[in-house]
Amino acid sequence: MAVVRKGRISAARRRRQRRLKIGATAGGLGLVVAVTFWGVIWPYLVGALVLSGVGGGGWWLWRTDRFIRGGDRQWRHDEAVRAGQRTLAEVDVMTGTEFEDFVVELCRRDGCTDVRRVGGSHDNGADVLGHLPDGRSMVIQCKRYAPKRKIPSREVRDLLGARVHFRADVAIFVATTYFSGPAEKFAAENDVLAVHRDHFGLWNNGASLSSLGAVNGLGQGDRRHRERWKETYG
């Protein structure tokens, strides 16, 4: 048995030695060829290395560009959602100036042009001026009131005076609360777009400003709606 085992070990050793010799011979031939033809092959080797470097660098730049662009798109999306879709609870704690600026943002989101805030101590009844997407000029009065406080008729009449003063085509009254019955009726009879709390919620959530004209003057919720409102704010 020992003789058989020794014979197997010797045969395996001979095979390893044979493979080593073949590898050494191939390596030596390769080295001889490389040295002999170096002047011919070196430009190709350098070219291959350069192409590999350029390809690797281009891939890295492409991946970096996609990463940066993806992050920028996500940031812009998040900012648009944050700026254009705030909860009514967040709106309720804004200052008057902050609310006017927010209305400006919503107008610009809907494609209105030349929109600017003009509210102040001598605003002549206007808080925001600009043009609707169809080109008509508009004057906007903004009231950031507590939800349980209602807009009286006299404030809507003041907006009519502002429309005449600024020679605007459209008068819009945007409020965080509701209009009194007479105020809403007066607005509808005098072509004033009265954006009460419910309509403002629709506008804030993506409905266009122009689309609110179709529901102008059609009431401010049914009986069940008013009951829920009283339970919340009454």
Protein backbone atom coordinates (compact mmCIF):
# COMPACT_ATOMS: atom_id res chain seq x y z
CA MET A 1 0.00 0.00 0.00
CA ALA A 2 2.88 2.34 0.81
CA VAL A 3 4.39 1.72 -2.62
CA VAL A 4 1.08 2.55 -4.36
CA ARG A 5 0.65 5.76 -2.30
CA LYS A 6 4.21 6.84 -3.07
CA GLY A 7 3.63 6.23 -6.76
CA ARG A 8 0.49 8.40 -6.73
CA ILE A 9 2.33 11.25 -4.97
CA SER A 10 5.17 11.11 -7.45
CA ALA A 11 2.76 11.21 -10.40
CA ALA A 12 0.93 14.26 -8.95
CA ARG A 13 4.24 16.01 -8.35
CA ARG A 14 5.29 15.38 -11.93
CA ARG A 15 2.03 16.87 -13.23
CA ARG A 16 2.51 20.04 -11.14
CA GLN A 17 6.07 20.38 -12.34
CA ARG A 18 4.92 19.94 -15.93
CA ARG A 19 2.28 22.72 -15.53
CA LEU A 20 4.88 25.02 -13.96
CA LYS A 21 7.23 24.42 -16.85
CA ILE A 22 4.49 25.12 -19.40
CA GLY A 23 3.52 28.34 -17.56
CA ALA A 24 7.12 29.48 -17.33
CA THR A 25 7.68 28.75 -21.00
CA ALA A 26 4.53 30.67 -22.02
CA GLY A 27 5.50 33.59 -19.79
CA GLY A 28 9.00 33.61 -21.22
CA LEU A 29 7.68 33.55 -24.78
CA GLY A 30 5.30 36.39 -23.95
CA LEU A 31 8.13 38.44 -22.49
CA VAL A 32 10.31 37.76 -25.53
CA VAL A 33 7.48 38.79 -27.86
CA ALA A 34 6.79 41.92 -25.79
CA VAL A 35 10.45 42.95 -25.80
CA THR A 36 10.91 42.12 -29.49
CA PHE A 37 7.77 43.90 -30.69
CA TRP A 38 7.52 46.59 -27.98
CA GLY A 39 7.90 49.36 -30.49
CA VAL A 40 4.88 48.08 -32.34
CA ILE A 41 2.52 47.16 -29.52
CA TRP A 42 3.16 49.90 -26.97
CA PRO A 43 0.89 52.50 -28.70
CA TYR A 44 -1.97 49.99 -28.57
CA LEU A 45 -1.40 49.29 -24.88
CA VAL A 46 -1.31 52.99 -24.06
CA GLY A 47 -4.42 53.57 -26.15
CA ALA A 48 -6.25 50.79 -24.35
CA LEU A 49 -5.30 52.25 -20.98
CA VAL A 50 -6.40 55.73 -22.04
CA LEU A 51 -9.73 54.45 -23.36
CA SER A 52 -10.31 52.52 -20.15
CA GLY A 53 -9.60 55.65 -18.10
CA VAL A 54 -11.87 57.83 -20.24
CA GLY A 55 -14.65 55.25 -20.14
CA GLY A 56 -14.38 54.86 -16.37
CA GLY A 57 -14.32 58.63 -15.86
CA GLY A 58 -17.30 59.13 -18.15
CA TRP A 59 -19.30 56.48 -16.32
CA TRP A 60 -18.48 58.10 -12.98
CA LEU A 61 -19.52 61.54 -14.25
CA TRP A 62 -22.76 60.10 -15.67
CA ARG A 63 -23.60 58.43 -12.38
CA THR A 64 -22.78 61.61 -10.43
CA ASP A 65 -24.91 63.73 -12.78
CA ARG A 66 -27.89 61.39 -12.41
CA PHE A 67 -27.53 61.41 -8.64
CA ILE A 68 -27.39 65.22 -8.48
CA ARG A 69 -30.28 65.68 -10.92
CA GLY A 70 -32.39 63.16 -9.07
CA GLY A 71 -31.76 64.91 -5.77
CA ASP A 72 -32.55 68.30 -7.30
CA ARG A 73 -35.83 67.06 -8.78
CA GLN A 74 -36.86 65.58 -5.45
CA TRP A 75 -35.95 68.81 -3.65
CA ARG A 76 -37.96 70.90 -6.12
CA HIS A 77 -40.90 68.54 -5.80
CA ASP A 78 -40.82 68.69 -2.00
CA GLU A 79 -40.57 72.49 -2.08
CA ALA A 80 -43.51 72.75 -4.47
CA VAL A 81 -45.65 70.55 -2.25
CA ARG A 82 -44.58 72.40 0.88
CA ALA A 83 -45.19 75.86 -0.64
CA GLY A 84 -48.35 75.03 -2.59
CA GLN A 85 -50.19 72.65 -0.30
CA ARG A 86 -50.15 73.77 3.31
CA THR A 87 -52.82 72.71 5.70
CA LEU A 88 -55.49 75.20 6.67
CA ALA A 89 -54.22 74.91 10.24
CA GLU A 90 -50.85 76.25 9.05
CA VAL A 91 -52.59 79.05 7.16
CA ASP A 92 -54.62 79.99 10.24
CA VAL A 93 -51.46 80.88 12.19
CA MET A 94 -49.92 83.01 9.44
CA THR A 95 -49.64 86.75 9.81
CA GLY A 96 -51.57 88.94 7.40
CA THR A 97 -48.43 89.60 5.36
CA GLU A 98 -47.52 85.91 5.24
CA PHE A 99 -51.01 85.10 4.01
CA GLU A 100 -50.77 87.71 1.26
CA ASP A 101 -47.41 86.27 0.16
CA PHE A 102 -48.95 82.80 0.13
CA VAL A 103 -51.79 84.00 -2.09
CA VAL A 104 -49.17 85.46 -4.45
CA GLU A 105 -47.47 82.03 -4.60
CA LEU A 106 -50.75 80.29 -5.44
CA CYS A 107 -51.51 82.82 -8.19
CA ARG A 108 -48.09 82.28 -9.76
CA ARG A 109 -48.54 78.52 -9.50
CA ASP A 110 -51.71 78.85 -11.61
CA GLY A 111 -49.95 80.82 -14.35
CA CYS A 112 -50.89 84.36 -13.32
CA THR A 113 -48.36 86.99 -14.36
CA ASP A 114 -47.00 90.25 -12.93
CA VAL A 115 -48.29 89.17 -9.52
CA ARG A 116 -47.09 91.32 -6.65
CA ARG A 117 -48.10 92.17 -3.12
CA VAL A 118 -49.08 95.81 -2.58
CA GLY A 119 -50.77 95.58 0.82
CA GLY A 120 -49.92 98.18 3.42
CA SER A 121 -51.27 101.18 5.25
CA HIS A 122 -52.02 102.98 1.95
CA ASP A 123 -53.00 100.04 -0.26
CA ASN A 124 -56.22 101.64 -1.53
CA GLY A 125 -58.14 98.46 -0.70
CA ALA A 126 -55.81 96.08 -2.58
CA ASP A 127 -53.37 93.51 -1.25
CA VAL A 128 -52.30 91.78 -4.48
CA LEU A 129 -52.25 92.93 -8.11
CA GLY A 130 -51.51 90.98 -11.26
CA HIS A 131 -52.95 89.39 -14.38
CA LEU A 132 -54.87 86.16 -14.83
CA PRO A 133 -53.53 83.60 -17.33
CA ASP A 134 -56.00 84.92 -19.94
CA GLY A 135 -54.51 88.42 -19.63
CA ARG A 136 -57.22 90.13 -17.60
CA SER A 137 -55.98 92.36 -14.80
CA MET A 138 -56.98 91.46 -11.25
CA VAL A 139 -57.06 93.06 -7.83
CA ILE A 140 -57.17 90.83 -4.75
CA GLN A 141 -58.14 91.59 -1.17
CA CYS A 142 -56.80 89.06 1.38
CA LYS A 143 -58.22 88.52 4.86
CA ARG A 144 -56.56 86.08 7.23
CA TYR A 145 -59.32 86.02 9.84
CA ALA A 146 -60.14 83.45 12.53
CA PRO A 147 -62.46 80.77 11.07
CA LYS A 148 -65.47 81.79 13.20
CA ARG A 149 -65.31 85.42 12.12
CA LYS A 150 -67.32 86.31 9.01
CA ILE A 151 -66.60 88.81 6.25
CA PRO A 152 -69.14 91.68 6.29
CA SER A 153 -70.60 93.33 3.21
CA ARG A 154 -68.70 96.60 3.73
CA GLU A 155 -65.36 94.88 3.13
CA VAL A 156 -66.60 93.51 -0.18
CA ARG A 157 -67.78 97.01 -1.12
CA ASP A 158 -64.30 98.33 -0.35
CA LEU A 159 -62.90 95.86 -2.88
CA LEU A 160 -65.23 97.25 -5.54
CA GLY A 161 -63.69 100.65 -4.91
CA ALA A 162 -60.22 99.14 -5.33
CA ARG A 163 -61.27 97.59 -8.65
CA VAL A 164 -62.29 101.03 -9.90
CA HIS A 165 -59.14 102.69 -8.51
CA PHE A 166 -56.76 100.21 -10.15
CA ARG A 167 -58.93 99.83 -13.27
CA ALA A 168 -58.86 96.08 -12.85
CA ASP A 169 -60.96 93.68 -14.86
CA VAL A 170 -61.53 91.21 -12.04
CA ALA A 171 -61.95 91.65 -8.28
CA ILE A 172 -61.16 88.69 -6.01
CA PHE A 173 -61.72 88.45 -2.26
CA VAL A 174 -59.71 85.64 -0.63
CA ALA A 175 -60.53 84.78 2.98
CA THR A 176 -59.64 82.09 5.51
CA THR A 177 -63.17 82.27 6.86
CA TYR A 178 -66.70 82.58 5.44
CA PHE A 179 -68.74 85.51 4.16
CA SER A 180 -71.93 86.66 5.77
CA GLY A 181 -75.05 85.90 3.72
CA PRO A 182 -75.47 89.51 2.54
CA ALA A 183 -71.73 89.75 1.73
CA GLU A 184 -71.79 86.63 -0.43
CA LYS A 185 -74.92 87.82 -2.23
CA PHE A 186 -73.39 91.28 -2.80
CA ALA A 187 -70.23 89.69 -4.21
CA ALA A 188 -72.18 87.50 -6.64
CA GLU A 189 -74.33 90.43 -7.81
CA ASN A 190 -71.27 92.59 -8.49
CA ASP A 191 -69.03 90.01 -10.18
CA VAL A 192 -66.66 89.71 -7.24
CA LEU A 193 -65.05 86.28 -6.89
CA ALA A 194 -65.58 85.44 -3.20
CA VAL A 195 -63.08 82.72 -2.23
CA HIS A 196 -64.27 81.57 1.19
CA ARG A 197 -62.59 78.97 3.42
CA ASP A 198 -63.87 75.89 1.56
CA HIS A 199 -62.96 77.29 -1.85
CA PHE A 200 -59.58 78.37 -0.55
CA GLY A 201 -59.01 74.78 0.59
CA LEU A 202 -59.74 73.60 -2.95
CA TRP A 203 -57.40 76.20 -4.40
CA ASN A 204 -54.67 75.29 -1.94
CA ASN A 205 -55.01 71.60 -2.88
CA GLY A 206 -54.55 72.14 -6.61
CA ALA A 207 -57.74 73.57 -8.12
CA SER A 208 -56.98 76.56 -10.34
CA LEU A 209 -58.06 80.06 -9.38
CA SER A 210 -59.99 80.40 -12.63
CA SER A 211 -62.00 77.24 -11.91
CA LEU A 212 -63.38 78.73 -8.68
CA GLY A 213 -65.49 81.16 -10.69
CA ALA A 214 -67.84 78.29 -11.60
CA VAL A 215 -68.84 77.84 -7.94
CA ASN A 216 -68.86 81.49 -6.95
CA GLY A 217 -71.95 82.49 -4.98
CA LEU A 218 -73.33 78.93 -4.73
CA GLY A 219 -73.38 78.87 -0.95
CA GLN A 220 -70.94 77.95 1.78
CA GLY A 221 -71.83 74.40 2.75
CA ASP A 222 -75.07 72.65 3.65
CA ARG A 223 -76.67 72.28 7.08
CA ARG A 224 -74.46 69.34 8.11
CA HIS A 225 -71.39 71.24 7.00
CA ARG A 226 -72.36 74.24 9.10
CA GLU A 227 -72.97 72.00 12.11
CA ARG A 228 -69.49 70.49 11.83
CA TRP A 229 -68.07 73.98 11.48
CA LYS A 230 -69.82 75.12 14.67
CA GLU A 231 -68.59 72.06 16.55
CA THR A 232 -65.01 72.80 15.47
CA TYR A 233 -64.88 76.58 15.82
CA GLY A 234 -68.03 77.56 17.69
